[in-house]
C-alpha atoms as a PDB file:
ATOM      1  CA  MET A   1     159.594 -30.247 158.690  1.00  0.00           C
ATOM      2  CA  ALA A   2     162.717 -31.930 159.900  1.00  0.00           C
ATOM      3  CA  ASP A   3     165.167 -30.059 162.034  1.00  0.00           C
ATOM      4  CA  ALA A   4     167.641 -28.074 159.919  1.00  0.00           C
ATOM      5  CA  LYS A   5     171.180 -29.260 160.041  1.00  0.00           C
ATOM      6  CA  VAL A   6     174.192 -27.059 160.610  1.00  0.00           C
ATOM      7  CA  ILE A   7     176.780 -27.144 157.830  1.00  0.00           C
ATOM      8  CA  PRO A   8     177.614 -30.823 157.383  1.00  0.00           C
ATOM      9  CA  PHE A   9     181.293 -30.092 157.000  1.00  0.00           C
ATOM     10  CA  ASP A  10     181.596 -31.441 160.464  1.00  0.00           C
ATOM     11  CA  ASP A  11     180.928 -34.809 158.835  1.00  0.00           C
ATOM     12  CA  ASP A  12     183.564 -34.773 156.571  1.00  0.00           C
ATOM     13  CA  ARG A  13     179.249  -2.865 126.989  1.00  0.00           C
ATOM     14  CA  SER A  14     176.598   2.313 114.408  1.00  0.00           C
ATOM     15  CA  ARG A  15     178.648   4.961 114.058  1.00  0.00           C
ATOM     16  CA  GLY A  16     177.059   8.447 113.601  1.00  0.00           C
ATOM     17  CA  SER A  17     177.878  11.309 111.233  1.00  0.00           C
ATOM     18  CA  ARG A  18     181.488  12.303 110.618  1.00  0.00           C
ATOM     19  CA  GLY A  19     180.868  16.067 110.620  1.00  0.00           C
ATOM     20  CA  ALA A  20     183.439  16.734 113.286  1.00  0.00           C
ATOM     21  CA  GLY A  21     186.209  15.076 111.300  1.00  0.00           C
ATOM     22  CA  SER A  22     185.326  16.449 107.842  1.00  0.00           C
ATOM     23  CA  ARG A  23     186.689  19.689 106.321  1.00  0.00           C
ATOM     24  CA  ARG A  24     184.798  22.405 104.404  1.00  0.00           C
ATOM     25  CA  ARG A  25     186.285  23.011 100.996  1.00  0.00           C
ATOM     26  CA  GLY A  26     187.185  26.709 100.099  1.00  0.00           C
ATOM     27  CA  SER A  27     185.384  28.418  97.180  1.00  0.00           C
ATOM     28  CA  ALA A  28     187.360  29.120  93.961  1.00  0.00           C
ATOM     29  CA  ALA A  29     188.673  32.701  93.421  1.00  0.00           C
ATOM     30  CA  GLU A  30     186.995  34.693  90.599  1.00  0.00           C
ATOM     31  CA  PRO A  31     189.096  34.763  87.359  1.00  0.00           C
ATOM     32  CA  ALA A  32     190.456  38.109  86.063  1.00  0.00           C
ATOM     33  CA  PRO A  33     188.271  39.868  83.437  1.00  0.00           C
ATOM     34  CA  VAL A  34     189.191  39.216  79.793  1.00  0.00           C
ATOM     35  CA  GLY A  35     191.108  42.081  78.218  1.00  0.00           C
ATOM     36  CA  GLU A  36     193.039  43.088  81.267  1.00  0.00           C
ATOM     37  CA  GLY A  37     196.778  42.750  80.935  1.00  0.00           C
ATOM     38  CA  PRO A  38     198.951  42.781  77.827  1.00  0.00           C
ATOM     39  CA  VAL A  39     197.884  40.803  74.765  1.00  0.00           C
ATOM     40  CA  GLY A  40     199.558  37.466  74.618  1.00  0.00           C
ATOM     41  CA  GLU A  41     200.506  37.525  78.275  1.00  0.00           C
ATOM     42  CA  VAL A  42     199.712  34.300  79.844  1.00  0.00           C
ATOM     43  CA  GLN A  43     197.232  34.806  82.646  1.00  0.00           C
ATOM     44  CA  PRO A  44     197.786  32.759  85.760  1.00  0.00           C
ATOM     45  CA  LEU A  45     195.388  30.006  86.406  1.00  0.00           C
ATOM     46  CA  PRO A  46     192.729  30.736  89.006  1.00  0.00           C
ATOM     47  CA  VAL A  47     193.890  29.740  92.472  1.00  0.00           C
ATOM     48  CA  ARG A  48     191.440  28.055  94.771  1.00  0.00           C
ATOM     49  CA  GLY A  49     190.724  29.893  97.980  1.00  0.00           C
ATOM     50  CA  ALA A  50     191.910  27.138 100.296  1.00  0.00           C
ATOM     51  CA  ALA A  51     195.306  26.889  98.613  1.00  0.00           C
ATOM     52  CA  ALA A  52     195.728  30.687  98.517  1.00  0.00           C
ATOM     53  CA  GLN A  53     195.449  30.857 102.243  1.00  0.00           C
ATOM     54  CA  GLY A  54     198.476  28.701 102.902  1.00  0.00           C
ATOM     55  CA  PRO A  55     199.157  25.037 103.391  1.00  0.00           C
ATOM     56  CA  ALA A  56     196.220  22.727 103.911  1.00  0.00           C
ATOM     57  CA  PRO A  57     195.456  22.102 107.565  1.00  0.00           C
ATOM     58  CA  GLU A  58     196.004  18.644 108.907  1.00  0.00           C
ATOM     59  CA  PRO A  59     192.884  16.505 109.171  1.00  0.00           C
ATOM     60  CA  GLU A  60     191.263  16.731 112.557  1.00  0.00           C
ATOM     61  CA  GLU A  61     191.609  13.747 114.818  1.00  0.00           C
ATOM     62  CA  PRO A  62     188.331  12.149 115.784  1.00  0.00           C
ATOM     63  CA  ASP A  63     187.231  12.995 119.295  1.00  0.00           C
ATOM     64  CA  GLU A  64     187.914   9.916 121.364  1.00  0.00           C
ATOM     65  CA  SER A  65     186.914  11.422 124.684  1.00  0.00           C
ATOM     66  CA  PRO A  66     184.443   9.377 126.715  1.00  0.00           C
ATOM     67  CA  GLY A  67     181.863  12.138 126.497  1.00  0.00           C
ATOM     68  CA  ALA A  68     181.957  12.173 122.695  1.00  0.00           C
ATOM     69  CA  ARG A  69     181.870   8.417 122.237  1.00  0.00           C
ATOM     70  CA  PRO A  70     178.152   7.855 122.816  1.00  0.00           C
ATOM     71  CA  ALA A  71     177.316  10.464 120.162  1.00  0.00           C
ATOM     72  CA  ALA A  72     179.545   8.719 117.650  1.00  0.00           C
ATOM     73  CA  GLU A  73     178.379   5.266 118.514  1.00  0.00           C
ATOM     74  CA  GLY A  74     174.766   4.316 118.356  1.00  0.00           C
ATOM     75  CA  GLY A  75     173.331   7.810 118.065  1.00  0.00           C
ATOM     76  CA  GLY A  76     173.781   8.806 121.710  1.00  0.00           C
ATOM     77  CA  GLU A  77     171.157   8.098 124.327  1.00  0.00           C
ATOM     78  CA  ASP A  78     168.618   6.862 121.802  1.00  0.00           C
ATOM     79  CA  GLY A  79     171.113   4.336 120.461  1.00  0.00           C
ATOM     80  CA  GLY A  80     171.988   3.173 123.962  1.00  0.00           C
ATOM     81  CA  LEU A  81     168.337   2.735 124.808  1.00  0.00           C
ATOM     82  CA  GLU A  82     167.789   0.761 121.615  1.00  0.00           C
ATOM     83  CA  ARG A  83     170.682  -1.554 122.487  1.00  0.00           C
ATOM     84  CA  ARG A  84     169.367  -2.125 125.988  1.00  0.00           C
ATOM     85  CA  VAL A  85     165.885  -2.878 124.699  1.00  0.00           C
ATOM     86  CA  ALA A  86     167.298  -5.267 122.101  1.00  0.00           C
ATOM     87  CA  ALA A  87     169.435  -7.007 124.722  1.00  0.00           C
ATOM     88  CA  GLY A  88     166.448  -7.301 127.042  1.00  0.00           C
ATOM     89  CA  LEU A  89     164.249  -8.798 124.338  1.00  0.00           C
ATOM     90  CA  SER A  90     167.006 -11.234 123.389  1.00  0.00           C
ATOM     91  CA  PHE A  91     167.372 -12.288 127.028  1.00  0.00           C
ATOM     92  CA  LEU A  92     163.608 -12.764 127.358  1.00  0.00           C
ATOM     93  CA  ARG A  93     163.515 -14.872 124.181  1.00  0.00           C
ATOM     94  CA  ARG A  94     166.249 -17.162 125.513  1.00  0.00           C
ATOM     95  CA  ARG A  95     164.442 -17.605 128.810  1.00  0.00           C
ATOM     96  CA  LEU A  96     161.152 -18.441 127.105  1.00  0.00           C
ATOM     97  CA  THR A  97     162.714 -20.895 124.676  1.00  0.00           C
ATOM     98  CA  GLY A  98     165.017 -22.493 127.240  1.00  0.00           C
ATOM     99  CA  ASP A  99     168.093 -21.501 125.230  1.00  0.00           C
ATOM    100  CA  TYR A 100     170.344 -20.990 128.249  1.00  0.00           C
ATOM    101  CA  GLU A 101     172.743 -23.088 130.289  1.00  0.00           C
ATOM    102  CA  VAL A 102     172.909 -24.191 133.892  1.00  0.00           C
ATOM    103  CA  ASP A 103     175.601 -26.337 135.449  1.00  0.00           C
ATOM    104  CA  ASP A 104     175.241 -29.579 137.364  1.00  0.00           C
ATOM    105  CA  PHE A 105     174.420 -27.668 140.551  1.00  0.00           C
ATOM    106  CA  GLY A 106     171.714 -25.519 138.933  1.00  0.00           C
ATOM    107  CA  TYR A 107     173.867 -22.360 138.657  1.00  0.00           C
ATOM    108  CA  ASP A 108     172.498 -19.999 135.968  1.00  0.00           C
ATOM    109  CA  ALA A 109     175.328 -17.543 135.137  1.00  0.00           C
ATOM    110  CA  GLU A 110     173.258 -15.393 132.744  1.00  0.00           C
ATOM    111  CA  LEU A 111     170.327 -14.998 135.116  1.00  0.00           C
ATOM    112  CA  THR A 112     172.681 -14.248 138.001  1.00  0.00           C
ATOM    113  CA  ASP A 113     174.685 -11.585 136.124  1.00  0.00           C
ATOM    114  CA  GLN A 114     171.770  -9.835 134.419  1.00  0.00           C
ATOM    115  CA  VAL A 115     168.967 -10.147 136.957  1.00  0.00           C
ATOM    116  CA  LEU A 116     169.769 -11.454 140.413  1.00  0.00           C
ATOM    117  CA  MET A 117     172.902  -9.367 140.990  1.00  0.00           C
ATOM    118  CA  SER A 118     171.033  -6.296 139.714  1.00  0.00           C
ATOM    119  CA  LEU A 119     168.368  -6.930 142.339  1.00  0.00           C
ATOM    120  CA  LEU A 120     170.892  -7.302 145.166  1.00  0.00           C
ATOM    121  CA  ARG A 121     173.132  -4.392 144.113  1.00  0.00           C
ATOM    122  CA  PRO A 122     170.905  -1.513 145.384  1.00  0.00           C
ATOM    123  CA  MET A 123     170.876  -3.055 148.839  1.00  0.00           C
ATOM    124  CA  TYR A 124     174.642  -3.601 148.643  1.00  0.00           C
ATOM    125  CA  GLU A 125     175.553  -0.113 147.330  1.00  0.00           C
ATOM    126  CA  LYS A 126     172.829   2.187 148.678  1.00  0.00           C
ATOM    127  CA  TYR A 127     171.349   0.556 151.736  1.00  0.00           C
ATOM    128  CA  PHE A 128     174.255  -1.145 153.461  1.00  0.00           C
ATOM    129  CA  ARG A 129     176.941   0.946 151.620  1.00  0.00           C
ATOM    130  CA  VAL A 130     179.343  -1.964 151.735  1.00  0.00           C
ATOM    131  CA  GLU A 131     183.057  -1.164 151.793  1.00  0.00           C
ATOM    132  CA  VAL A 132     185.317  -3.927 150.491  1.00  0.00           C
ATOM    133  CA  LYS A 133     188.928  -4.421 151.489  1.00  0.00           C
ATOM    134  CA  GLY A 134     191.534  -6.961 150.457  1.00  0.00           C
ATOM    135  CA  VAL A 135     189.674  -8.397 147.470  1.00  0.00           C
ATOM    136  CA  GLU A 136     193.070  -8.754 145.769  1.00  0.00           C
ATOM    137  CA  ASN A 137     193.820 -11.520 148.260  1.00  0.00           C
ATOM    138  CA  ILE A 138     191.376 -13.773 146.416  1.00  0.00           C
ATOM    139  CA  PRO A 139     193.250 -15.780 143.750  1.00  0.00           C
ATOM    140  CA  ALA A 140     192.634 -14.688 140.151  1.00  0.00           C
ATOM    141  CA  GLN A 141     192.227 -18.289 139.049  1.00  0.00           C
ATOM    142  CA  GLY A 142     191.903 -21.746 140.446  1.00  0.00           C
ATOM    143  CA  GLY A 143     190.007 -23.027 143.413  1.00  0.00           C
ATOM    144  CA  ALA A 144     189.968 -21.308 146.785  1.00  0.00           C
ATOM    145  CA  LEU A 145     187.906 -21.609 149.946  1.00  0.00           C
ATOM    146  CA  ILE A 146     186.620 -18.362 151.476  1.00  0.00           C
ATOM    147  CA  VAL A 147     185.755 -18.766 155.152  1.00  0.00           C
ATOM    148  CA  ALA A 148     183.691 -16.018 156.808  1.00  0.00           C
ATOM    149  CA  ASN A 149     181.891 -15.227 160.044  1.00  0.00           C
ATOM    150  CA  HIS A 150     178.102 -15.590 160.015  1.00  0.00           C
ATOM    151  CA  SER A 151     175.618 -13.220 161.638  1.00  0.00           C
ATOM    152  CA  GLY A 152     172.522 -11.075 161.233  1.00  0.00           C
ATOM    153  CA  THR A 153     169.563 -13.414 161.985  1.00  0.00           C
ATOM    154  CA  LEU A 154     168.878 -13.714 158.229  1.00  0.00           C
ATOM    155  CA  PRO A 155     171.748 -14.760 155.917  1.00  0.00           C
ATOM    156  CA  LEU A 156     172.155 -11.448 154.099  1.00  0.00           C
ATOM    157  CA  ASP A 157     175.868 -11.469 154.890  1.00  0.00           C
ATOM    158  CA  GLY A 158     176.459 -14.351 152.477  1.00  0.00           C
ATOM    159  CA  LEU A 159     174.615 -12.551 149.678  1.00  0.00           C
ATOM    160  CA  MET A 160     176.537  -9.304 150.248  1.00  0.00           C
ATOM    161  CA  MET A 161     179.825 -11.226 150.227  1.00  0.00           C
ATOM    162  CA  GLN A 162     178.776 -12.773 146.920  1.00  0.00           C
ATOM    163  CA  VAL A 163     178.082  -9.323 145.386  1.00  0.00           C
ATOM    164  CA  ALA A 164     181.413  -8.028 146.737  1.00  0.00           C
ATOM    165  CA  VAL A 165     183.387 -10.735 144.923  1.00  0.00           C
ATOM    166  CA  HIS A 166     181.274 -10.458 141.742  1.00  0.00           C
ATOM    167  CA  ASP A 167     181.561  -6.648 141.466  1.00  0.00           C
ATOM    168  CA  HIS A 168     185.047  -5.951 142.819  1.00  0.00           C
ATOM    169  CA  HIS A 169     187.322  -8.835 141.933  1.00  0.00           C
ATOM    170  CA  PRO A 170     189.598  -7.849 138.988  1.00  0.00           C
ATOM    171  CA  ALA A 171     189.169 -11.283 137.396  1.00  0.00           C
ATOM    172  CA  ASP A 172     185.336 -11.090 137.612  1.00  0.00           C
ATOM    173  CA  ARG A 173     185.122 -14.230 139.680  1.00  0.00           C
ATOM    174  CA  HIS A 174     181.915 -15.667 141.074  1.00  0.00           C
ATOM    175  CA  LEU A 175     181.508 -17.023 144.584  1.00  0.00           C
ATOM    176  CA  ARG A 176     179.692 -20.319 145.078  1.00  0.00           C
ATOM    177  CA  LEU A 177     178.205 -20.425 148.553  1.00  0.00           C
ATOM    178  CA  LEU A 178     177.570 -23.538 150.586  1.00  0.00           C
ATOM    179  CA  ALA A 179     174.187 -23.335 152.298  1.00  0.00           C
ATOM    180  CA  ALA A 180     172.380 -25.299 154.983  1.00  0.00           C
ATOM    181  CA  ASP A 181     169.787 -27.857 153.954  1.00  0.00           C
ATOM    182  CA  LEU A 182     166.980 -25.592 155.240  1.00  0.00           C
ATOM    183  CA  VAL A 183     167.593 -23.263 152.276  1.00  0.00           C
ATOM    184  CA  PHE A 184     166.807 -26.064 149.826  1.00  0.00           C
ATOM    185  CA  VAL A 185     163.472 -27.058 151.353  1.00  0.00           C
ATOM    186  CA  LEU A 186     161.966 -23.549 151.366  1.00  0.00           C
ATOM    187  CA  PRO A 187     159.734 -22.744 148.358  1.00  0.00           C
ATOM    188  CA  VAL A 188     161.095 -20.093 145.966  1.00  0.00           C
ATOM    189  CA  VAL A 189     164.216 -19.681 148.103  1.00  0.00           C
ATOM    190  CA  ASN A 190     165.380 -23.102 146.976  1.00  0.00           C
ATOM    191  CA  GLU A 191     165.168 -22.247 143.269  1.00  0.00           C
ATOM    192  CA  LEU A 192     166.743 -18.800 143.657  1.00  0.00           C
ATOM    193  CA  ALA A 193     169.602 -20.199 145.703  1.00  0.00           C
ATOM    194  CA  ARG A 194     170.372 -22.783 143.018  1.00  0.00           C
ATOM    195  CA  LYS A 195     170.272 -20.125 140.273  1.00  0.00           C
ATOM    196  CA  LEU A 196     172.710 -17.974 142.295  1.00  0.00           C
ATOM    197  CA  GLY A 197     175.158 -20.841 142.443  1.00  0.00           C
ATOM    198  CA  HIS A 198     174.557 -22.025 146.001  1.00  0.00           C
ATOM    199  CA  THR A 199     174.774 -25.685 146.803  1.00  0.00           C
ATOM    200  CA  LEU A 200     174.358 -27.950 149.789  1.00  0.00           C
ATOM    201  CA  ALA A 201     176.994 -27.562 152.459  1.00  0.00           C
ATOM    202  CA  CYS A 202     178.562 -30.969 152.228  1.00  0.00           C
ATOM    203  CA  ALA A 203     182.133 -32.071 151.628  1.00  0.00           C
ATOM    204  CA  GLU A 204     181.334 -33.857 148.341  1.00  0.00           C
ATOM    205  CA  ASP A 205     179.812 -30.781 146.646  1.00  0.00           C
ATOM    206  CA  ALA A 206     182.531 -28.513 147.994  1.00  0.00           C
ATOM    207  CA  GLU A 207     185.301 -30.755 146.687  1.00  0.00           C
ATOM    208  CA  ARG A 208     183.693 -31.020 143.246  1.00  0.00           C
ATOM    209  CA  LEU A 209     183.473 -27.230 142.945  1.00  0.00           C
ATOM    210  CA  LEU A 210     187.035 -26.704 144.166  1.00  0.00           C
ATOM    211  CA  ALA A 211     188.307 -29.363 141.739  1.00  0.00           C
ATOM    212  CA  GLN A 212     186.628 -27.386 138.927  1.00  0.00           C
ATOM    213  CA  GLY A 213     188.603 -24.259 139.969  1.00  0.00           C
ATOM    214  CA  GLU A 214     185.653 -22.472 141.577  1.00  0.00           C
ATOM    215  CA  LEU A 215     185.631 -20.033 144.479  1.00  0.00           C
ATOM    216  CA  VAL A 216     183.698 -21.632 147.310  1.00  0.00           C
ATOM    217  CA  GLY A 217     182.354 -19.752 150.304  1.00  0.00           C
ATOM    218  CA  VAL A 218     181.532 -21.293 153.664  1.00  0.00           C
ATOM    219  CA  MET A 219     180.435 -19.935 157.042  1.00  0.00           C
ATOM    220  CA  PRO A 220     181.376 -22.616 159.561  1.00  0.00           C
ATOM    221  CA  GLU A 221     179.469 -21.083 162.473  1.00  0.00           C
ATOM    222  CA  GLY A 222     176.223 -22.083 160.797  1.00  0.00           C
ATOM    223  CA  PHE A 223     173.015 -21.402 162.724  1.00  0.00           C
ATOM    224  CA  LYS A 224     175.009 -20.959 165.938  1.00  0.00           C
ATOM    225  CA  GLY A 225     176.489 -17.779 164.448  1.00  0.00           C
ATOM    226  CA  ILE A 226     173.533 -16.347 162.578  1.00  0.00           C
ATOM    227  CA  GLY A 227     171.123 -17.050 165.421  1.00  0.00           C
ATOM    228  CA  LYS A 228     173.206 -15.913 168.393  1.00  0.00           C
ATOM    229  CA  PRO A 229     171.891 -13.231 170.798  1.00  0.00           C
ATOM    230  CA  PHE A 230     172.734  -9.568 170.195  1.00  0.00           C
ATOM    231  CA  GLY A 231     174.790  -9.533 173.372  1.00  0.00           C
ATOM    232  CA  GLU A 232     177.232 -11.987 171.791  1.00  0.00           C
ATOM    233  CA  ARG A 233     177.711 -10.003 168.598  1.00  0.00           C
ATOM    234  CA  TYR A 234     181.096 -10.310 166.878  1.00  0.00           C
ATOM    235  CA  LYS A 235     182.099 -13.171 169.141  1.00  0.00           C
ATOM    236  CA  LEU A 236     182.805 -16.100 166.877  1.00  0.00           C
ATOM    237  CA  GLN A 237     181.093 -19.355 167.699  1.00  0.00           C
ATOM    238  CA  ARG A 238     182.654 -22.777 167.368  1.00  0.00           C
ATOM    239  CA  PHE A 239     183.888 -23.689 163.871  1.00  0.00           C
ATOM    240  CA  GLY A 240     182.884 -27.291 164.235  1.00  0.00           C
ATOM    241  CA  ARG A 241     185.536 -29.996 163.915  1.00  0.00           C
ATOM    242  CA  GLY A 242     187.299 -28.359 160.956  1.00  0.00           C
ATOM    243  CA  GLY A 243     185.553 -30.044 158.044  1.00  0.00           C
ATOM    244  CA  PHE A 244     186.296 -27.062 155.769  1.00  0.00           C
ATOM    245  CA  VAL A 245     190.011 -27.422 156.514  1.00  0.00           C
ATOM    246  CA  SER A 246     189.887 -31.087 155.560  1.00  0.00           C
ATOM    247  CA  THR A 247     188.231 -30.186 152.249  1.00  0.00           C
ATOM    248  CA  ALA A 248     190.857 -27.515 151.483  1.00  0.00           C
ATOM    249  CA  LEU A 249     193.677 -29.922 152.312  1.00  0.00           C
ATOM    250  CA  ARG A 250     192.321 -32.656 150.039  1.00  0.00           C
ATOM    251  CA  GLN A 251     192.135 -30.243 147.098  1.00  0.00           C
ATOM    252  CA  GLY A 252     195.296 -28.283 147.970  1.00  0.00           C
ATOM    253  CA  VAL A 253     193.531 -24.917 147.694  1.00  0.00           C
ATOM    254  CA  PRO A 254     194.199 -21.790 149.792  1.00  0.00           C
ATOM    255  CA  ILE A 255     191.878 -20.710 152.581  1.00  0.00           C
ATOM    256  CA  VAL A 256     190.938 -17.009 152.490  1.00  0.00           C
ATOM    257  CA  PRO A 257     189.619 -15.677 155.819  1.00  0.00           C
ATOM    258  CA  CYS A 258     186.828 -13.096 155.493  1.00  0.00           C
ATOM    259  CA  SER A 259     185.546 -10.755 158.210  1.00  0.00           C
ATOM    260  CA  ILE A 260     182.157  -9.029 157.900  1.00  0.00           C
ATOM    261  CA  VAL A 261     181.213  -6.071 160.109  1.00  0.00           C
ATOM    262  CA  GLY A 262     177.736  -4.514 160.050  1.00  0.00           C
ATOM    263  CA  ALA A 263     175.547  -7.576 159.697  1.00  0.00           C
ATOM    264  CA  GLU A 264     175.198  -8.177 163.434  1.00  0.00           C
ATOM    265  CA  GLU A 265     173.084  -5.042 163.925  1.00  0.00           C
ATOM    266  CA  ILE A 266     170.572  -5.362 161.078  1.00  0.00           C
ATOM    267  CA  TYR A 267     168.239  -7.471 163.238  1.00  0.00           C
ATOM    268  CA  PRO A 268     169.270  -7.125 166.904  1.00  0.00           C
ATOM    269  CA  MET A 269     168.150 -10.470 168.283  1.00  0.00           C
ATOM    270  CA  ILE A 270     167.035  -9.905 171.862  1.00  0.00           C
ATOM    271  CA  GLY A 271     165.130 -13.148 172.235  1.00  0.00           C
ATOM    272  CA  ASN A 272     164.385 -16.543 170.751  1.00  0.00           C
ATOM    273  CA  SER A 273     160.974 -18.188 170.813  1.00  0.00           C
ATOM    274  CA  LYS A 274     161.959 -21.836 170.959  1.00  0.00           C
ATOM    275  CA  THR A 275     158.331 -22.994 170.960  1.00  0.00           C
ATOM    276  CA  LEU A 276     157.544 -21.228 167.684  1.00  0.00           C
ATOM    277  CA  ALA A 277     160.837 -22.458 166.268  1.00  0.00           C
ATOM    278  CA  ARG A 278     159.901 -26.079 166.995  1.00  0.00           C
ATOM    279  CA  LEU A 279     156.416 -25.643 165.541  1.00  0.00           C
ATOM    280  CA  LEU A 280     157.750 -24.127 162.329  1.00  0.00           C
ATOM    281  CA  GLY A 281     160.740 -26.435 162.060  1.00  0.00           C
ATOM    282  CA  PHE A 282     163.236 -23.581 162.263  1.00  0.00           C
ATOM    283  CA  PRO A 283     166.494 -23.659 164.233  1.00  0.00           C
ATOM    284  CA  TYR A 284     165.383 -20.476 166.024  1.00  0.00           C
ATOM    285  CA  PHE A 285     162.587 -17.876 165.901  1.00  0.00           C
ATOM    286  CA  PRO A 286     164.094 -14.387 166.419  1.00  0.00           C
ATOM    287  CA  LEU A 287     162.572 -11.689 168.582  1.00  0.00           C
ATOM    288  CA  THR A 288     163.951  -8.220 167.784  1.00  0.00           C
ATOM    289  CA  PRO A 289     162.925  -4.699 168.849  1.00  0.00           C
ATOM    290  CA  THR A 290     160.772  -4.510 165.699  1.00  0.00           C
ATOM    291  CA  PHE A 291     159.876  -8.128 164.854  1.00  0.00           C
ATOM    292  CA  PRO A 292     157.246  -9.517 165.170  1.00  0.00           C
ATOM    293  CA  TRP A 293     155.748  -6.504 166.960  1.00  0.00           C
ATOM    294  CA  LEU A 294     155.574  -4.283 163.824  1.00  0.00           C
ATOM    295  CA  GLY A 295     154.455  -7.077 161.518  1.00  0.00           C
ATOM    296  CA  PRO A 296     156.006  -7.072 158.022  1.00  0.00           C
ATOM    297  CA  LEU A 297     157.582  -3.674 158.725  1.00  0.00           C
ATOM    298  CA  GLY A 298     159.588  -5.311 161.462  1.00  0.00           C
ATOM    299  CA  ALA A 299     161.265  -7.551 158.879  1.00  0.00           C
ATOM    300  CA  VAL A 300     162.991  -4.542 157.249  1.00  0.00           C
ATOM    301  CA  PRO A 301     166.678  -4.647 158.253  1.00  0.00           C
ATOM    302  CA  LEU A 302     168.321  -1.634 159.863  1.00  0.00           C
ATOM    303  CA  PRO A 303     170.514   0.378 157.416  1.00  0.00           C
ATOM    304  CA  THR A 304     173.865  -0.329 159.026  1.00  0.00           C
ATOM    305  CA  LYS A 305     177.237   0.442 157.411  1.00  0.00           C
ATOM    306  CA  TRP A 306     179.064  -2.701 156.336  1.00  0.00           C
ATOM    307  CA  THR A 307     182.717  -3.558 155.838  1.00  0.00           C
ATOM    308  CA  ILE A 308     183.890  -6.806 154.242  1.00  0.00           C
ATOM    309  CA  GLN A 309     187.585  -7.570 154.469  1.00  0.00           C
ATOM    310  CA  PHE A 310     189.313 -10.512 152.796  1.00  0.00           C
ATOM    311  CA  GLY A 311     192.486 -11.532 154.579  1.00  0.00           C
ATOM    312  CA  GLU A 312     195.702 -12.999 153.287  1.00  0.00           C
ATOM    313  CA  PRO A 313     195.258 -16.553 152.014  1.00  0.00           C
ATOM    314  CA  ILE A 314     196.505 -19.466 154.057  1.00  0.00           C
ATOM    315  CA  PRO A 315     198.139 -22.015 151.700  1.00  0.00           C
ATOM    316  CA  THR A 316     197.453 -25.723 152.042  1.00  0.00           C
ATOM    317  CA  ASP A 317     199.294 -27.099 149.006  1.00  0.00           C
ATOM    318  CA  GLY A 318     202.385 -27.705 151.110  1.00  0.00           C
ATOM    319  CA  HIS A 319     200.663 -30.585 152.859  1.00  0.00           C
ATOM    320  CA  ALA A 320     200.117 -34.044 151.502  1.00  0.00           C
ATOM    321  CA  PRO A 321     196.499 -35.082 150.816  1.00  0.00           C
ATOM    322  CA  GLU A 322     196.761 -37.540 153.709  1.00  0.00           C
ATOM    323  CA  ALA A 323     197.151 -34.571 156.054  1.00  0.00           C
ATOM    324  CA  ALA A 324     193.381 -34.123 155.781  1.00  0.00           C
ATOM    325  CA  GLU A 325     193.108 -37.000 158.250  1.00  0.00           C
ATOM    326  CA  ASP A 326     195.513 -35.477 160.778  1.00  0.00           C
ATOM    327  CA  PRO A 327     193.330 -34.146 163.623  1.00  0.00           C
ATOM    328  CA  VAL A 328     196.134 -32.043 165.116  1.00  0.00           C
ATOM    329  CA  LEU A 329     196.842 -30.258 161.821  1.00  0.00           C
ATOM    330  CA  MET A 330     193.143 -29.748 161.204  1.00  0.00           C
ATOM    331  CA  PHE A 331     192.678 -28.286 164.669  1.00  0.00           C
ATOM    332  CA  ASN A 332     195.670 -25.939 164.247  1.00  0.00           C
ATOM    333  CA  LEU A 333     194.555 -24.675 160.831  1.00  0.00           C
ATOM    334  CA  THR A 334     190.957 -24.256 162.018  1.00  0.00           C
ATOM    335  CA  ASP A 335     192.152 -22.274 165.016  1.00  0.00           C
ATOM    336  CA  GLN A 336     194.454 -20.162 162.794  1.00  0.00           C
ATOM    337  CA  VAL A 337     191.573 -19.233 160.451  1.00  0.00           C
ATOM    338  CA  ARG A 338     189.211 -18.515 163.328  1.00  0.00           C
ATOM    339  CA  GLU A 339     191.739 -16.342 165.171  1.00  0.00           C
ATOM    340  CA  GLN A 340     192.549 -14.347 162.028  1.00  0.00           C
ATOM    341  CA  ILE A 341     188.849 -13.636 161.403  1.00  0.00           C
ATOM    342  CA  GLN A 342     188.254 -12.707 165.052  1.00  0.00           C
ATOM    343  CA  HIS A 343     191.290 -10.400 165.195  1.00  0.00           C
ATOM    344  CA  THR A 344     190.194  -8.623 161.998  1.00  0.00           C
ATOM    345  CA  LEU A 345     186.672  -8.191 163.381  1.00  0.00           C
ATOM    346  CA  TYR A 346     187.987  -6.459 166.485  1.00  0.00           C
ATOM    347  CA  LYS A 347     190.273  -4.264 164.344  1.00  0.00           C
ATOM    348  CA  LEU A 348     187.404  -3.199 162.058  1.00  0.00           C
ATOM    349  CA  LEU A 349     185.148  -2.495 165.029  1.00  0.00           C
ATOM    350  CA  VAL A 350     187.762  -0.165 166.528  1.00  0.00           C
ATOM    351  CA  GLN A 351     188.154   1.665 163.193  1.00  0.00           C
ATOM    352  CA  ARG A 352     184.471   2.262 162.436  1.00  0.00           C
ATOM    353  CA  ARG A 353     182.932   5.563 163.513  1.00  0.00           C
ATOM    354  CA  SER A 354     179.330   4.449 163.901  1.00  0.00           C
ATOM    355  CA  VAL A 355     177.065   1.514 163.321  1.00  0.00           C
ATOM    356  CA  PHE A 356     175.147   3.506 160.692  1.00  0.00           C
ATOM    357  CA  PHE A 357     177.861   5.743 159.149  1.00  0.00           C
END
């Protein structure tokens, strides 16, 4: 297998019964016996019980409380279960018949929303207990480039960032991640990555997505960041020559810095077997306190507490498209993004109480 390349940016939600809202009618009063009262006196007509008791009560308003709604709609839990089963069968039918859409990059929105995100969410919510800050800094529409630090030996940080945007952004936006070419040569991983909306980390694909108004995520540290020793945790590696800045400038989209704390400790990398890495065609082969010594059990990440913070966007639309070729401007913007991410990392590290809580 050929050596994996680091991000090529350097190259350029039936109604039920209505019993609660209906009224019981009162029974009619018994008429007076015949013969009582003077002859010829007109007897009053019988008065119905409800009217005799005063003015008719106003009709009751239907109970619109959230707790009462399931009972009124779909027959409660049984109705909800029926809807879920019907939706599941409909989804399965579409998958079997091929009646679903994917875009030019292989992104399958339906599969991602209904299956893949549901598989990642327990890890996001229960295992890593991710806390998200600043998601309002991500534009509600239009293209934007989210730039984040990369760490953790395995790229779980990118997936957690993708769930954070999908589940917390008020406009329900989806993040399209740029991935290294290694991802697209691995069996199974390749297909899943495409379905999730990932694409090759190259300037051409990034610019196409941004031009279509998509959110694009990139981690410029590449393998240098994800494969760095545990002793260098939270120290940002080189951001290349600023290819991501050039892409943002050409499309005039804002750059949103993103800082992720918690990923560094899931697999504390205390060593790197370069020989095994060369044999397997990997950029590195991690040695951790549990892997490979405990076998498959050693591949289980530690349950650290994560924080993902999206910073204030850095605008680029004030520059002409030709500015993408200005090395000084590219260097300054790259350094500005890197420094903002690094500063936020240090701030979050000071604020957290423990690695695991």
